[in-house]
PDB file of N, CA and C in Angstrom:
ATOM      1  N   MET A   1     -73.922  42.759  79.589  1.00  0.00           N
ATOM      2  CA  MET A   1     -72.969  43.665  79.003  1.00  0.00           C
ATOM      3  C   MET A   1     -71.984  44.038  80.076  1.00  0.00           C
ATOM      4  N   ASN A   2     -70.735  43.687  79.891  1.00  0.00           N
ATOM      5  CA  ASN A   2     -69.723  43.932  80.904  1.00  0.00           C
ATOM      6  C   ASN A   2     -68.790  45.079  80.580  1.00  0.00           C
ATOM      7  N   THR A   3     -68.692  45.442  79.336  1.00  0.00           N
ATOM      8  CA  THR A   3     -67.738  46.477  78.970  1.00  0.00           C
ATOM      9  C   THR A   3     -68.424  47.633  78.274  1.00  0.00           C
ATOM     10  N   PRO A   4     -67.916  48.852  78.523  1.00  0.00           N
ATOM     11  CA  PRO A   4     -68.485  49.994  77.819  1.00  0.00           C
ATOM     12  C   PRO A   4     -68.080  49.964  76.351  1.00  0.00           C
ATOM     13  N   HIS A   5     -68.930  50.529  75.508  1.00  0.00           N
ATOM     14  CA  HIS A   5     -68.642  50.646  74.081  1.00  0.00           C
ATOM     15  C   HIS A   5     -68.562  52.125  73.746  1.00  0.00           C
ATOM     16  N   GLN A   6     -67.623  52.483  72.881  1.00  0.00           N
ATOM     17  CA  GLN A   6     -67.524  53.864  72.436  1.00  0.00           C
ATOM     18  C   GLN A   6     -67.046  53.893  70.997  1.00  0.00           C
ATOM     19  N   VAL A   7     -67.377  55.005  70.312  1.00  0.00           N
ATOM     20  CA  VAL A   7     -66.827  55.232  68.985  1.00  0.00           C
ATOM     21  C   VAL A   7     -65.326  55.414  69.145  1.00  0.00           C
ATOM     22  N   PRO A   8     -64.489  54.765  68.323  1.00  0.00           N
ATOM     23  CA  PRO A   8     -63.049  54.946  68.425  1.00  0.00           C
ATOM     24  C   PRO A   8     -62.651  56.415  68.322  1.00  0.00           C
ATOM     25  N   ALA A   9     -61.563  56.775  68.995  1.00  0.00           N
ATOM     26  CA  ALA A   9     -61.119  58.171  69.046  1.00  0.00           C
ATOM     27  C   ALA A   9     -60.901  58.754  67.660  1.00  0.00           C
ATOM     28  N   SER A  10     -60.401  57.956  66.718  1.00  0.00           N
ATOM     29  CA  SER A  10     -60.154  58.476  65.376  1.00  0.00           C
ATOM     30  C   SER A  10     -61.448  58.879  64.684  1.00  0.00           C
ATOM     31  N   ALA A  11     -62.559  58.254  65.059  1.00  0.00           N
ATOM     32  CA  ALA A  11     -63.843  58.582  64.444  1.00  0.00           C
ATOM     33  C   ALA A  11     -64.596  59.647  65.225  1.00  0.00           C
ATOM     34  N   ALA A  12     -64.074  60.023  66.390  1.00  0.00           N
ATOM     35  CA  ALA A  12     -64.808  60.929  67.267  1.00  0.00           C
ATOM     36  C   ALA A  12     -64.413  62.394  67.081  1.00  0.00           C
ATOM     37  N   ARG A  13     -63.602  62.715  66.124  1.00  0.00           N
ATOM     38  CA  ARG A  13     -63.181  64.102  65.901  1.00  0.00           C
ATOM     39  C   ARG A  13     -64.241  64.894  65.166  1.00  0.00           C
ATOM     40  N   GLY A  14     -64.245  66.191  65.405  1.00  0.00           N
ATOM     41  CA  GLY A  14     -65.137  67.073  64.660  1.00  0.00           C
ATOM     42  C   GLY A  14     -66.587  66.852  65.012  1.00  0.00           C
ATOM     43  N   SER A  15     -67.425  66.856  63.983  1.00  0.00           N
ATOM     44  CA  SER A  15     -68.862  66.776  64.198  1.00  0.00           C
ATOM     45  C   SER A  15     -69.416  65.360  64.033  1.00  0.00           C
ATOM     46  N   VAL A  16     -68.559  64.366  64.030  1.00  0.00           N
ATOM     47  CA  VAL A  16     -69.019  62.984  63.904  1.00  0.00           C
ATOM     48  C   VAL A  16     -69.749  62.590  65.189  1.00  0.00           C
ATOM     49  N   PRO A  17     -70.963  62.054  65.083  1.00  0.00           N
ATOM     50  CA  PRO A  17     -71.702  61.653  66.285  1.00  0.00           C
ATOM     51  C   PRO A  17     -70.930  60.626  67.109  1.00  0.00           C
ATOM     52  N   ARG A  18     -71.118  60.691  68.421  1.00  0.00           N
ATOM     53  CA  ARG A  18     -70.482  59.764  69.347  1.00  0.00           C
ATOM     54  C   ARG A  18     -71.565  59.035  70.124  1.00  0.00           C
ATOM     55  N   LEU A  19     -71.212  57.853  70.587  1.00  0.00           N
ATOM     56  CA  LEU A  19     -72.105  57.090  71.442  1.00  0.00           C
ATOM     57  C   LEU A  19     -71.263  56.334  72.452  1.00  0.00           C
ATOM     58  N   ALA A  20     -71.569  56.525  73.723  1.00  0.00           N
ATOM     59  CA  ALA A  20     -70.930  55.777  74.796  1.00  0.00           C
ATOM     60  C   ALA A  20     -72.014  54.970  75.495  1.00  0.00           C
ATOM     61  N   VAL A  21     -71.698  53.725  75.818  1.00  0.00           N
ATOM     62  CA  VAL A  21     -72.676  52.830  76.438  1.00  0.00           C
ATOM     63  C   VAL A  21     -72.003  52.145  77.620  1.00  0.00           C
ATOM     64  N   PHE A  22     -72.689  52.200  78.779  1.00  0.00           N
ATOM     65  CA  PHE A  22     -72.147  51.636  80.005  1.00  0.00           C
ATOM     66  C   PHE A  22     -73.183  50.734  80.663  1.00  0.00           C
ATOM     67  N   PRO A  23     -72.743  49.653  81.309  1.00  0.00           N
ATOM     68  CA  PRO A  23     -73.686  48.774  82.002  1.00  0.00           C
ATOM     69  C   PRO A  23     -74.350  49.507  83.173  1.00  0.00           C
ATOM     70  N   LEU A  24     -75.599  49.171  83.441  1.00  0.00           N
ATOM     71  CA  LEU A  24     -76.299  49.713  84.599  1.00  0.00           C
ATOM     72  C   LEU A  24     -75.888  48.922  85.839  1.00  0.00           C
ATOM     73  N   ALA A  25     -75.783  49.610  86.940  1.00  0.00           N
ATOM     74  CA  ALA A  25     -75.464  48.946  88.200  1.00  0.00           C
ATOM     75  C   ALA A  25     -76.741  48.362  88.803  1.00  0.00           C
ATOM     76  N   GLY A  26     -76.684  47.127  89.189  1.00  0.00           N
ATOM     77  CA  GLY A  26     -77.786  46.523  89.920  1.00  0.00           C
ATOM     78  C   GLY A  26     -78.932  45.961  89.104  1.00  0.00           C
ATOM     79  N   ARG A  27     -78.893  46.109  87.795  1.00  0.00           N
ATOM     80  CA  ARG A  27     -79.951  45.511  86.973  1.00  0.00           C
ATOM     81  C   ARG A  27     -79.452  45.309  85.555  1.00  0.00           C
ATOM     82  N   SER A  28     -80.181  44.519  84.826  1.00  0.00           N
ATOM     83  CA  SER A  28     -79.813  44.191  83.460  1.00  0.00           C
ATOM     84  C   SER A  28     -80.123  45.367  82.540  1.00  0.00           C
ATOM     85  N   GLY A  29     -79.110  45.901  81.888  1.00  0.00           N
ATOM     86  CA  GLY A  29     -79.339  46.996  80.968  1.00  0.00           C
ATOM     87  C   GLY A  29     -78.126  47.889  80.816  1.00  0.00           C
ATOM     88  N   VAL A  30     -78.320  48.961  80.051  1.00  0.00           N
ATOM     89  CA  VAL A  30     -77.240  49.894  79.768  1.00  0.00           C
ATOM     90  C   VAL A  30     -77.725  51.337  79.866  1.00  0.00           C
ATOM     91  N   ARG A  31     -76.765  52.229  80.047  1.00  0.00           N
ATOM     92  CA  ARG A  31     -76.997  53.673  79.959  1.00  0.00           C
ATOM     93  C   ARG A  31     -76.202  54.145  78.756  1.00  0.00           C
ATOM     94  N   ALA A  32     -76.871  54.847  77.862  1.00  0.00           N
ATOM     95  CA  ALA A  32     -76.221  55.345  76.657  1.00  0.00           C
ATOM     96  C   ALA A  32     -76.176  56.868  76.689  1.00  0.00           C
ATOM     97  N   ALA A  33     -75.141  57.421  76.059  1.00  0.00           N
ATOM     98  CA  ALA A  33     -74.999  58.873  75.955  1.00  0.00           C
ATOM     99  C   ALA A  33     -74.460  59.199  74.571  1.00  0.00           C
ATOM    100  N   GLY A  34     -75.044  60.209  73.935  1.00  0.00           N
ATOM    101  CA  GLY A  34     -74.594  60.638  72.613  1.00  0.00           C
ATOM    102  C   GLY A  34     -75.709  60.548  71.593  1.00  0.00           C
ATOM    103  N   GLU A  35     -75.353  60.096  70.411  1.00  0.00           N
ATOM    104  CA  GLU A  35     -76.300  59.990  69.307  1.00  0.00           C
ATOM    105  C   GLU A  35     -76.270  58.584  68.724  1.00  0.00           C
ATOM    106  N   ILE A  36     -77.436  58.142  68.269  1.00  0.00           N
ATOM    107  CA  ILE A  36     -77.537  56.865  67.573  1.00  0.00           C
ATOM    108  C   ILE A  36     -77.837  57.210  66.117  1.00  0.00           C
ATOM    109  N   ALA A  37     -76.803  57.090  65.301  1.00  0.00           N
ATOM    110  CA  ALA A  37     -76.867  57.497  63.892  1.00  0.00           C
ATOM    111  C   ALA A  37     -75.954  56.570  63.086  1.00  0.00           C
ATOM    112  N   LEU A  38     -75.741  56.903  61.843  1.00  0.00           N
ATOM    113  CA  LEU A  38     -74.967  56.053  60.937  1.00  0.00           C
ATOM    114  C   LEU A  38     -73.611  55.648  61.519  1.00  0.00           C
ATOM    115  N   THR A  39     -72.851  56.600  62.053  1.00  0.00           N
ATOM    116  CA  THR A  39     -71.504  56.284  62.526  1.00  0.00           C
ATOM    117  C   THR A  39     -71.484  55.538  63.850  1.00  0.00           C
ATOM    118  N   THR A  40     -72.592  55.493  64.561  1.00  0.00           N
ATOM    119  CA  THR A  40     -72.642  54.786  65.838  1.00  0.00           C
ATOM    120  C   THR A  40     -73.562  53.568  65.802  1.00  0.00           C
ATOM    121  N   ARG A  41     -74.129  53.297  64.660  1.00  0.00           N
ATOM    122  CA  ARG A  41     -75.115  52.219  64.547  1.00  0.00           C
ATOM    123  C   ARG A  41     -74.549  50.858  64.925  1.00  0.00           C
ATOM    124  N   ALA A  42     -73.313  50.572  64.570  1.00  0.00           N
ATOM    125  CA  ALA A  42     -72.728  49.265  64.898  1.00  0.00           C
ATOM    126  C   ALA A  42     -72.668  49.060  66.410  1.00  0.00           C
ATOM    127  N   ILE A  43     -72.360  50.106  67.148  1.00  0.00           N
ATOM    128  CA  ILE A  43     -72.341  50.010  68.610  1.00  0.00           C
ATOM    129  C   ILE A  43     -73.748  49.705  69.111  1.00  0.00           C
ATOM    130  N   TRP A  44     -74.735  50.476  68.658  1.00  0.00           N
ATOM    131  CA  TRP A  44     -76.122  50.314  69.077  1.00  0.00           C
ATOM    132  C   TRP A  44     -76.623  48.908  68.758  1.00  0.00           C
ATOM    133  N   GLU A  45     -76.381  48.434  67.550  1.00  0.00           N
ATOM    134  CA  GLU A  45     -76.837  47.108  67.163  1.00  0.00           C
ATOM    135  C   GLU A  45     -76.145  46.021  67.977  1.00  0.00           C
ATOM    136  N   GLY A  46     -74.862  46.233  68.316  1.00  0.00           N
ATOM    137  CA  GLY A  46     -74.155  45.280  69.168  1.00  0.00           C
ATOM    138  C   GLY A  46     -74.756  45.209  70.564  1.00  0.00           C
ATOM    139  N   VAL A  47     -75.090  46.367  71.116  1.00  0.00           N
ATOM    140  CA  VAL A  47     -75.734  46.426  72.431  1.00  0.00           C
ATOM    141  C   VAL A  47     -77.067  45.682  72.395  1.00  0.00           C
ATOM    142  N   LEU A  48     -77.855  45.935  71.371  1.00  0.00           N
ATOM    143  CA  LEU A  48     -79.165  45.280  71.263  1.00  0.00           C
ATOM    144  C   LEU A  48     -79.029  43.774  71.078  1.00  0.00           C
ATOM    145  N   GLU A  49     -78.041  43.351  70.309  1.00  0.00           N
ATOM    146  CA  GLU A  49     -77.829  41.918  70.101  1.00  0.00           C
ATOM    147  C   GLU A  49     -77.453  41.238  71.415  1.00  0.00           C
ATOM    148  N   GLU A  50     -76.580  41.874  72.202  1.00  0.00           N
ATOM    149  CA  GLU A  50     -76.232  41.327  73.511  1.00  0.00           C
ATOM    150  C   GLU A  50     -77.468  41.262  74.408  1.00  0.00           C
ATOM    151  N   ALA A  51     -78.309  42.275  74.333  1.00  0.00           N
ATOM    152  CA  ALA A  51     -79.518  42.321  75.155  1.00  0.00           C
ATOM    153  C   ALA A  51     -80.464  41.183  74.808  1.00  0.00           C
ATOM    154  N   VAL A  52     -80.602  40.882  73.539  1.00  0.00           N
ATOM    155  CA  VAL A  52     -81.487  39.790  73.106  1.00  0.00           C
ATOM    156  C   VAL A  52     -81.009  38.459  73.696  1.00  0.00           C
ATOM    157  N   LEU A  53     -79.709  38.312  73.863  1.00  0.00           N
ATOM    158  CA  LEU A  53     -79.148  37.057  74.370  1.00  0.00           C
ATOM    159  C   LEU A  53     -79.223  36.938  75.889  1.00  0.00           C
ATOM    160  N   GLU A  54     -79.533  38.024  76.586  1.00  0.00           N
ATOM    161  CA  GLU A  54     -79.647  38.004  78.046  1.00  0.00           C
ATOM    162  C   GLU A  54     -80.825  37.124  78.468  1.00  0.00           C
ATOM    163  N   ASP A  55     -80.818  36.729  79.750  1.00  0.00           N
ATOM    164  CA  ASP A  55     -81.880  35.864  80.269  1.00  0.00           C
ATOM    165  C   ASP A  55     -82.961  36.611  81.028  1.00  0.00           C
ATOM    166  N   ASP A  56     -82.691  37.840  81.463  1.00  0.00           N
ATOM    167  CA  ASP A  56     -83.654  38.569  82.284  1.00  0.00           C
ATOM    168  C   ASP A  56     -84.899  38.938  81.487  1.00  0.00           C
ATOM    169  N   ASP A  57     -86.038  38.978  82.190  1.00  0.00           N
ATOM    170  CA  ASP A  57     -87.300  39.326  81.542  1.00  0.00           C
ATOM    171  C   ASP A  57     -87.326  40.769  81.060  1.00  0.00           C
ATOM    172  N   VAL A  58     -86.627  41.653  81.788  1.00  0.00           N
ATOM    173  CA  VAL A  58     -86.616  43.073  81.455  1.00  0.00           C
ATOM    174  C   VAL A  58     -85.171  43.519  81.247  1.00  0.00           C
ATOM    175  N   TYR A  59     -84.950  44.219  80.149  1.00  0.00           N
ATOM    176  CA  TYR A  59     -83.642  44.794  79.857  1.00  0.00           C
ATOM    177  C   TYR A  59     -83.842  46.296  79.722  1.00  0.00           C
ATOM    178  N   TYR A  60     -83.171  47.061  80.576  1.00  0.00           N
ATOM    179  CA  TYR A  60     -83.355  48.516  80.621  1.00  0.00           C
ATOM    180  C   TYR A  60     -82.398  49.219  79.673  1.00  0.00           C
ATOM    181  N   LEU A  61     -82.934  50.182  78.938  1.00  0.00           N
ATOM    182  CA  LEU A  61     -82.149  51.055  78.073  1.00  0.00           C
ATOM    183  C   LEU A  61     -82.365  52.477  78.580  1.00  0.00           C
ATOM    184  N   GLU A  62     -81.405  52.988  79.358  1.00  0.00           N
ATOM    185  CA  GLU A  62     -81.479  54.338  79.909  1.00  0.00           C
ATOM    186  C   GLU A  62     -80.936  55.291  78.848  1.00  0.00           C
ATOM    187  N   LEU A  63     -81.830  56.082  78.254  1.00  0.00           N
ATOM    188  CA  LEU A  63     -81.447  56.932  77.122  1.00  0.00           C
ATOM    189  C   LEU A  63     -81.577  58.423  77.421  1.00  0.00           C
ATOM    190  N   SER A  64     -81.586  58.810  78.681  1.00  0.00           N
ATOM    191  CA  SER A  64     -81.762  60.230  79.021  1.00  0.00           C
ATOM    192  C   SER A  64     -80.629  61.109  78.507  1.00  0.00           C
ATOM    193  N   ASP A  65     -79.455  60.530  78.272  1.00  0.00           N
ATOM    194  CA  ASP A  65     -78.327  61.300  77.746  1.00  0.00           C
ATOM    195  C   ASP A  65     -78.121  61.099  76.240  1.00  0.00           C
ATOM    196  N   VAL A  66     -79.096  60.480  75.593  1.00  0.00           N
ATOM    197  CA  VAL A  66     -79.056  60.331  74.140  1.00  0.00           C
ATOM    198  C   VAL A  66     -79.809  61.513  73.539  1.00  0.00           C
ATOM    199  N   THR A  67     -79.165  62.224  72.644  1.00  0.00           N
ATOM    200  CA  THR A  67     -79.767  63.433  72.073  1.00  0.00           C
ATOM    201  C   THR A  67     -80.488  63.183  70.759  1.00  0.00           C
ATOM    202  N   PHE A  68     -80.178  62.079  70.086  1.00  0.00           N
ATOM    203  CA  PHE A  68     -80.763  61.834  68.764  1.00  0.00           C
ATOM    204  C   PHE A  68     -80.727  60.351  68.458  1.00  0.00           C
ATOM    205  N   VAL A  69     -81.815  59.835  67.888  1.00  0.00           N
ATOM    206  CA  VAL A  69     -81.871  58.466  67.374  1.00  0.00           C
ATOM    207  C   VAL A  69     -82.478  58.543  65.990  1.00  0.00           C
ATOM    208  N   ASP A  70     -81.726  58.097  64.973  1.00  0.00           N
ATOM    209  CA  ASP A  70     -82.284  58.123  63.618  1.00  0.00           C
ATOM    210  C   ASP A  70     -83.264  56.959  63.430  1.00  0.00           C
ATOM    211  N   VAL A  71     -83.949  56.948  62.306  1.00  0.00           N
ATOM    212  CA  VAL A  71     -84.968  55.921  62.057  1.00  0.00           C
ATOM    213  C   VAL A  71     -84.340  54.530  62.010  1.00  0.00           C
ATOM    214  N   ALA A  72     -83.145  54.412  61.487  1.00  0.00           N
ATOM    215  CA  ALA A  72     -82.490  53.101  61.448  1.00  0.00           C
ATOM    216  C   ALA A  72     -82.193  52.605  62.864  1.00  0.00           C
ATOM    217  N   GLY A  73     -81.854  53.514  63.775  1.00  0.00           N
ATOM    218  CA  GLY A  73     -81.641  53.130  65.170  1.00  0.00           C
ATOM    219  C   GLY A  73     -82.923  52.668  65.815  1.00  0.00           C
ATOM    220  N   ALA A  74     -84.027  53.354  65.524  1.00  0.00           N
ATOM    221  CA  ALA A  74     -85.337  52.935  66.027  1.00  0.00           C
ATOM    222  C   ALA A  74     -85.720  51.581  65.427  1.00  0.00           C
ATOM    223  N   SER A  75     -85.432  51.387  64.148  1.00  0.00           N
ATOM    224  CA  SER A  75     -85.725  50.125  63.474  1.00  0.00           C
ATOM    225  C   SER A  75     -84.936  48.978  64.097  1.00  0.00           C
ATOM    226  N   ALA A  76     -83.670  49.241  64.434  1.00  0.00           N
ATOM    227  CA  ALA A  76     -82.844  48.216  65.074  1.00  0.00           C
ATOM    228  C   ALA A  76     -83.438  47.823  66.424  1.00  0.00           C
ATOM    229  N   LEU A  77     -83.941  48.796  67.177  1.00  0.00           N
ATOM    230  CA  LEU A  77     -84.583  48.514  68.462  1.00  0.00           C
ATOM    231  C   LEU A  77     -85.838  47.664  68.258  1.00  0.00           C
ATOM    232  N   ALA A  78     -86.671  48.039  67.302  1.00  0.00           N
ATOM    233  CA  ALA A  78     -87.897  47.284  67.027  1.00  0.00           C
ATOM    234  C   ALA A  78     -87.573  45.861  66.567  1.00  0.00           C
ATOM    235  N   ALA A  79     -86.558  45.716  65.728  1.00  0.00           N
ATOM    236  CA  ALA A  79     -86.170  44.384  65.252  1.00  0.00           C
ATOM    237  C   ALA A  79     -85.651  43.520  66.399  1.00  0.00           C
ATOM    238  N   ALA A  80     -84.848  44.116  67.269  1.00  0.00           N
ATOM    239  CA  ALA A  80     -84.330  43.373  68.422  1.00  0.00           C
ATOM    240  C   ALA A  80     -85.473  42.961  69.344  1.00  0.00           C
ATOM    241  N   ALA A  81     -86.429  43.848  69.561  1.00  0.00           N
ATOM    242  CA  ALA A  81     -87.587  43.528  70.402  1.00  0.00           C
ATOM    243  C   ALA A  81     -88.382  42.375  69.795  1.00  0.00           C
ATOM    244  N   GLY A  82     -88.441  42.329  68.479  1.00  0.00           N
ATOM    245  CA  GLY A  82     -89.136  41.243  67.800  1.00  0.00           C
ATOM    246  C   GLY A  82     -88.448  39.904  67.962  1.00  0.00           C
ATOM    247  N   ARG A  83     -87.157  39.921  68.294  1.00  0.00           N
ATOM    248  CA  ARG A  83     -86.403  38.678  68.502  1.00  0.00           C
ATOM    249  C   ARG A  83     -86.404  38.221  69.960  1.00  0.00           C
ATOM    250  N   LEU A  84     -86.982  39.017  70.854  1.00  0.00           N
ATOM    251  CA  LEU A  84     -87.038  38.624  72.259  1.00  0.00           C
ATOM    252  C   LEU A  84     -87.999  37.455  72.440  1.00  0.00           C
ATOM    253  N   GLN A  85     -87.668  36.576  73.362  1.00  0.00           N
ATOM    254  CA  GLN A  85     -88.574  35.470  73.677  1.00  0.00           C
ATOM    255  C   GLN A  85     -89.831  36.023  74.328  1.00  0.00           C
ATOM    256  N   ASP A  86     -90.915  35.258  74.245  1.00  0.00           N
ATOM    257  CA  ASP A  86     -92.191  35.679  74.839  1.00  0.00           C
ATOM    258  C   ASP A  86     -92.010  36.064  76.297  1.00  0.00           C
ATOM    259  N   GLY A  87     -92.638  37.168  76.671  1.00  0.00           N
ATOM    260  CA  GLY A  87     -92.587  37.635  78.042  1.00  0.00           C
ATOM    261  C   GLY A  87     -91.430  38.556  78.354  1.00  0.00           C
ATOM    262  N   ARG A  88     -90.469  38.651  77.458  1.00  0.00           N
ATOM    263  CA  ARG A  88     -89.329  39.550  77.676  1.00  0.00           C
ATOM    264  C   ARG A  88     -89.624  40.891  77.017  1.00  0.00           C
ATOM    265  N   ARG A  89     -88.980  41.950  77.531  1.00  0.00           N
ATOM    266  CA  ARG A  89     -89.190  43.269  76.935  1.00  0.00           C
ATOM    267  C   ARG A  89     -88.030  44.204  77.240  1.00  0.00           C
ATOM    268  N   PHE A  90     -87.929  45.228  76.407  1.00  0.00           N
ATOM    269  CA  PHE A  90     -87.031  46.343  76.656  1.00  0.00           C
ATOM    270  C   PHE A  90     -87.835  47.421  77.364  1.00  0.00           C
ATOM    271  N   VAL A  91     -87.273  47.991  78.413  1.00  0.00           N
ATOM    272  CA  VAL A  91     -87.852  49.182  79.017  1.00  0.00           C
ATOM    273  C   VAL A  91     -86.924  50.324  78.640  1.00  0.00           C
ATOM    274  N   VAL A  92     -87.426  51.204  77.808  1.00  0.00           N
ATOM    275  CA  VAL A  92     -86.656  52.339  77.303  1.00  0.00           C
ATOM    276  C   VAL A  92     -86.977  53.531  78.195  1.00  0.00           C
ATOM    277  N   ARG A  93     -85.996  53.964  78.975  1.00  0.00           N
ATOM    278  CA  ARG A  93     -86.217  55.037  79.939  1.00  0.00           C
ATOM    279  C   ARG A  93     -85.723  56.367  79.403  1.00  0.00           C
ATOM    280  N   ARG A  94     -86.609  57.344  79.439  1.00  0.00           N
ATOM    281  CA  ARG A  94     -86.347  58.738  79.070  1.00  0.00           C
ATOM    282  C   ARG A  94     -85.641  58.895  77.715  1.00  0.00           C
ATOM    283  N   PRO A  95     -86.239  58.340  76.663  1.00  0.00           N
ATOM    284  CA  PRO A  95     -85.642  58.477  75.330  1.00  0.00           C
ATOM    285  C   PRO A  95     -85.898  59.872  74.765  1.00  0.00           C
ATOM    286  N   PRO A  96     -85.147  60.255  73.724  1.00  0.00           N
ATOM    287  CA  PRO A  96     -85.460  61.507  73.030  1.00  0.00           C
ATOM    288  C   PRO A  96     -86.896  61.444  72.507  1.00  0.00           C
ATOM    289  N   SER A  97     -87.565  62.569  72.488  1.00  0.00           N
ATOM    290  CA  SER A  97     -88.970  62.592  72.063  1.00  0.00           C
ATOM    291  C   SER A  97     -89.145  62.075  70.639  1.00  0.00           C
ATOM    292  N   ALA A  98     -88.171  62.305  69.780  1.00  0.00           N
ATOM    293  CA  ALA A  98     -88.278  61.817  68.399  1.00  0.00           C
ATOM    294  C   ALA A  98     -88.317  60.291  68.351  1.00  0.00           C
ATOM    295  N   LEU A  99     -87.605  59.623  69.253  1.00  0.00           N
ATOM    296  CA  LEU A  99     -87.650  58.155  69.279  1.00  0.00           C
ATOM    297  C   LEU A  99     -89.029  57.682  69.712  1.00  0.00           C
ATOM    298  N   ARG A 100     -89.597  58.310  70.721  1.00  0.00           N
ATOM    299  CA  ARG A 100     -90.958  57.941  71.145  1.00  0.00           C
ATOM    300  C   ARG A 100     -91.943  58.093  70.001  1.00  0.00           C
ATOM    301  N   ARG A 101     -91.862  59.215  69.291  1.00  0.00           N
ATOM    302  CA  ARG A 101     -92.786  59.454  68.177  1.00  0.00           C
ATOM    303  C   ARG A 101     -92.576  58.443  67.056  1.00  0.00           C
ATOM    304  N   THR A 102     -91.327  58.138  66.748  1.00  0.00           N
ATOM    305  CA  THR A 102     -91.024  57.175  65.683  1.00  0.00           C
ATOM    306  C   THR A 102     -91.569  55.796  66.043  1.00  0.00           C
ATOM    307  N   LEU A 103     -91.352  55.364  67.284  1.00  0.00           N
ATOM    308  CA  LEU A 103     -91.875  54.059  67.705  1.00  0.00           C
ATOM    309  C   LEU A 103     -93.397  54.038  67.649  1.00  0.00           C
ATOM    310  N   ASP A 104     -94.033  55.112  68.109  1.00  0.00           N
ATOM    311  CA  ASP A 104     -95.507  55.188  68.070  1.00  0.00           C
ATOM    312  C   ASP A 104     -96.040  55.164  66.647  1.00  0.00           C
ATOM    313  N   LEU A 105     -95.337  55.802  65.743  1.00  0.00           N
ATOM    314  CA  LEU A 105     -95.788  55.907  64.359  1.00  0.00           C
ATOM    315  C   LEU A 105     -95.556  54.621  63.568  1.00  0.00           C
ATOM    316  N   LEU A 106     -94.341  54.069  63.677  1.00  0.00           N
ATOM    317  CA  LEU A 106     -93.971  52.934  62.821  1.00  0.00           C
ATOM    318  C   LEU A 106     -94.144  51.567  63.468  1.00  0.00           C
ATOM    319  N   TRP A 107     -94.065  51.494  64.795  1.00  0.00           N
ATOM    320  CA  TRP A 107     -94.185  50.215  65.495  1.00  0.00           C
ATOM    321  C   TRP A 107     -95.126  50.366  66.689  1.00  0.00           C
ATOM    322  N   PRO A 108     -96.364  50.769  66.467  1.00  0.00           N
ATOM    323  CA  PRO A 108     -97.266  51.064  67.586  1.00  0.00           C
ATOM    324  C   PRO A 108     -97.660  49.832  68.407  1.00  0.00           C
ATOM    325  N   ASP A 109     -97.586  48.664  67.831  1.00  0.00           N
ATOM    326  CA  ASP A 109     -98.028  47.457  68.527  1.00  0.00           C
ATOM    327  C   ASP A 109     -96.882  46.541  68.929  1.00  0.00           C
ATOM    328  N   GLN A 110     -95.674  47.068  68.984  1.00  0.00           N
ATOM    329  CA  GLN A 110     -94.510  46.261  69.347  1.00  0.00           C
ATOM    330  C   GLN A 110     -94.563  45.959  70.843  1.00  0.00           C
ATOM    331  N   ALA A 111     -94.938  44.731  71.187  1.00  0.00           N
ATOM    332  CA  ALA A 111     -95.126  44.355  72.582  1.00  0.00           C
ATOM    333  C   ALA A 111     -93.811  44.280  73.356  1.00  0.00           C
ATOM    334  N   GLY A 112     -92.697  44.153  72.687  1.00  0.00           N
ATOM    335  CA  GLY A 112     -91.414  44.001  73.357  1.00  0.00           C
ATOM    336  C   GLY A 112     -90.761  45.306  73.772  1.00  0.00           C
ATOM    337  N   ILE A 113     -91.444  46.434  73.585  1.00  0.00           N
ATOM    338  CA  ILE A 113     -90.865  47.734  73.951  1.00  0.00           C
ATOM    339  C   ILE A 113     -91.843  48.487  74.846  1.00  0.00           C
ATOM    340  N   GLU A 114     -91.353  48.867  76.005  1.00  0.00           N
ATOM    341  CA  GLU A 114     -92.116  49.711  76.926  1.00  0.00           C
ATOM    342  C   GLU A 114     -91.325  51.008  77.084  1.00  0.00           C
ATOM    343  N   VAL A 115     -91.961  52.144  76.801  1.00  0.00           N
ATOM    344  CA  VAL A 115     -91.291  53.427  76.914  1.00  0.00           C
ATOM    345  C   VAL A 115     -91.716  54.091  78.211  1.00  0.00           C
ATOM    346  N   SER A 116     -90.719  54.483  79.012  1.00  0.00           N
ATOM    347  CA  SER A 116     -90.967  55.147  80.280  1.00  0.00           C
ATOM    348  C   SER A 116     -90.338  56.529  80.242  1.00  0.00           C
ATOM    349  N   THR A 117     -91.109  57.552  80.600  1.00  0.00           N
ATOM    350  CA  THR A 117     -90.573  58.914  80.592  1.00  0.00           C
ATOM    351  C   THR A 117     -90.074  59.327  81.963  1.00  0.00           C
ATOM    352  N   SER A 118     -90.182  58.453  82.947  1.00  0.00           N
ATOM    353  CA  SER A 118     -89.697  58.792  84.294  1.00  0.00           C
ATOM    354  C   SER A 118     -88.463  57.997  84.651  1.00  0.00           C
TER     355      SER A 118
END
C-alpha cells in the first residue's frame, strides 16, 4: 500500500464516519484512524484486498486509532483472512474491544488473524 486512503471531503461533513489509512514505515501493513462502518467500508475492503495480494507472511493492521468497527467490517477482515495463502496472517494491533469480541464470537478459529493488544 503506497498511498493513504480517506473518505472524500464531501462525505466527511457532519457526523458521517471517517477513515484514514496510511502505510506503516518499515513493515508491511497500514495504520488506520476513524471508524469502519457503512460509509467507510469501501476503503476498508480496498485495504484488505491490497493486503491479500501482498507477498509478506505477516501484514500488520494498526487499529489503535480506530474507534469503531461494525460487524460488516469484521466480516470483511475474516473473509480477507480466509483468502490468504497458507502461512500468511493479519496481525491486528490494538483494535477496538468490540472488534476483538466480534472476532472471538463469530470467527473463533480463523487462523489468518492474530489479535495483539500491545
